[in-house]
């Protein structure tokens, strides 16, 4: 898990249960994307909630989730930290 902490002490990350984030204080969680199958069982990533692209298809959900995480880290989480 990548945890970004800004100079004011605000922590941001892609949510996971790897850490008990409530130990850091009050949480604010919002959806960044949707990973859903289509009628043929192919998986698609929709990053519309953060004004991002749609991409896919992926044969496996795990592959779609990995692509989703990589895009969010590179285009939202880490860019906002610079």
Protein backbone atom coordinates (compact mmCIF):
# COMPACT_ATOMS: atom_id res chain seq x y z
CA UNK A 1 0.00 0.00 0.00
CA UNK A 2 1.26 3.45 -0.91
CA UNK A 3 0.47 5.99 1.80
CA UNK A 4 1.11 9.64 0.89
CA UNK A 5 1.28 12.17 3.73
CA UNK A 6 1.35 15.86 2.79
CA UNK A 7 3.16 18.60 4.78
CA UNK A 8 -0.08 19.40 6.67
CA UNK A 9 -0.32 15.78 7.84
CA UNK A 10 -3.17 14.72 5.51
CA UNK A 11 -2.73 11.07 4.55
CA UNK A 12 -4.03 9.67 1.26
CA UNK A 13 -3.98 6.17 -0.21
CA UNK A 14 -5.91 3.67 -2.23
CA UNK A 15 -8.12 1.99 0.35
CA UNK A 16 -7.23 -1.48 1.43
CA UNK A 17 -7.50 -3.40 4.65
CA UNK A 18 -3.73 -3.96 4.76
CA UNK A 19 -3.54 -1.32 7.50
CA UNK A 20 -6.09 -0.20 10.06
CA UNK A 21 -6.47 3.28 8.61
CA UNK A 22 -8.81 4.35 11.42
CA UNK A 23 -5.73 4.41 13.66
CA UNK A 24 -4.64 7.53 11.73
CA UNK A 25 -7.79 9.45 12.62
CA UNK A 26 -11.07 10.31 10.94
CA UNK A 27 -11.48 8.69 7.53
CA UNK A 28 -13.00 10.12 4.37
CA UNK A 29 -13.49 7.38 1.77
CA UNK A 30 -14.78 7.96 -1.76
CA UNK A 31 -15.13 5.74 -4.80
CA UNK A 32 -12.53 6.31 -7.50
CA UNK A 33 -13.62 3.69 -10.01
CA UNK A 34 -15.76 0.72 -10.91
CA UNK A 35 -14.51 -2.69 -12.06
CA UNK A 36 -17.37 -4.65 -13.60
CA UNK A 37 -17.89 -7.59 -15.95
CA UNK A 38 -19.77 -7.29 -19.23
CA UNK A 39 -22.31 -9.76 -20.63
CA UNK A 40 -19.52 -12.01 -21.96
CA UNK A 41 -17.59 -12.19 -18.67
CA UNK A 42 -14.86 -9.74 -19.67
CA UNK A 43 -13.80 -7.21 -17.02
CA UNK A 44 -13.74 -3.44 -17.58
CA UNK A 45 -12.29 -0.58 -15.53
CA UNK A 46 -14.28 2.66 -15.40
CA UNK A 47 -12.46 5.59 -13.80
CA UNK A 48 -15.24 8.11 -14.49
CA UNK A 49 -15.61 9.01 -10.77
CA UNK A 50 -12.15 10.66 -10.98
CA UNK A 51 -12.63 11.88 -14.56
CA UNK A 52 -10.42 9.11 -15.89
CA UNK A 53 -10.73 6.70 -18.80
CA UNK A 54 -12.44 3.37 -19.29
CA UNK A 55 -10.22 0.49 -20.29
CA UNK A 56 -10.31 -3.23 -20.84
CA UNK A 57 -11.37 -5.84 -21.51
CA UNK A 58 -9.51 -8.16 -19.17
CA UNK A 59 -10.09 -11.90 -18.99
CA UNK A 60 -9.53 -11.96 -15.24
CA UNK A 61 -10.90 -9.63 -12.58
CA UNK A 62 -7.52 -9.61 -10.83
CA UNK A 63 -5.90 -8.20 -13.98
CA UNK A 64 -8.51 -5.43 -14.17
CA UNK A 65 -7.97 -4.61 -10.49
CA UNK A 66 -4.21 -4.44 -11.02
CA UNK A 67 -4.62 -2.09 -13.99
CA UNK A 68 -7.05 0.04 -11.97
CA UNK A 69 -4.59 0.33 -9.08
CA UNK A 70 -1.65 1.16 -11.35
CA UNK A 71 -3.62 3.92 -13.13
CA UNK A 72 -4.89 5.43 -9.89
CA UNK A 73 -1.45 5.44 -8.29
CA UNK A 74 0.26 6.97 -11.35
CA UNK A 75 -2.43 9.49 -12.27
CA UNK A 76 -4.14 10.46 -9.03
CA UNK A 77 -2.29 9.44 -5.87
CA UNK A 78 1.33 10.10 -6.78
CA UNK A 79 0.75 13.09 -9.10
CA UNK A 80 -1.28 14.90 -6.45
CA UNK A 81 1.63 14.39 -4.04
CA UNK A 82 4.13 16.31 -6.19
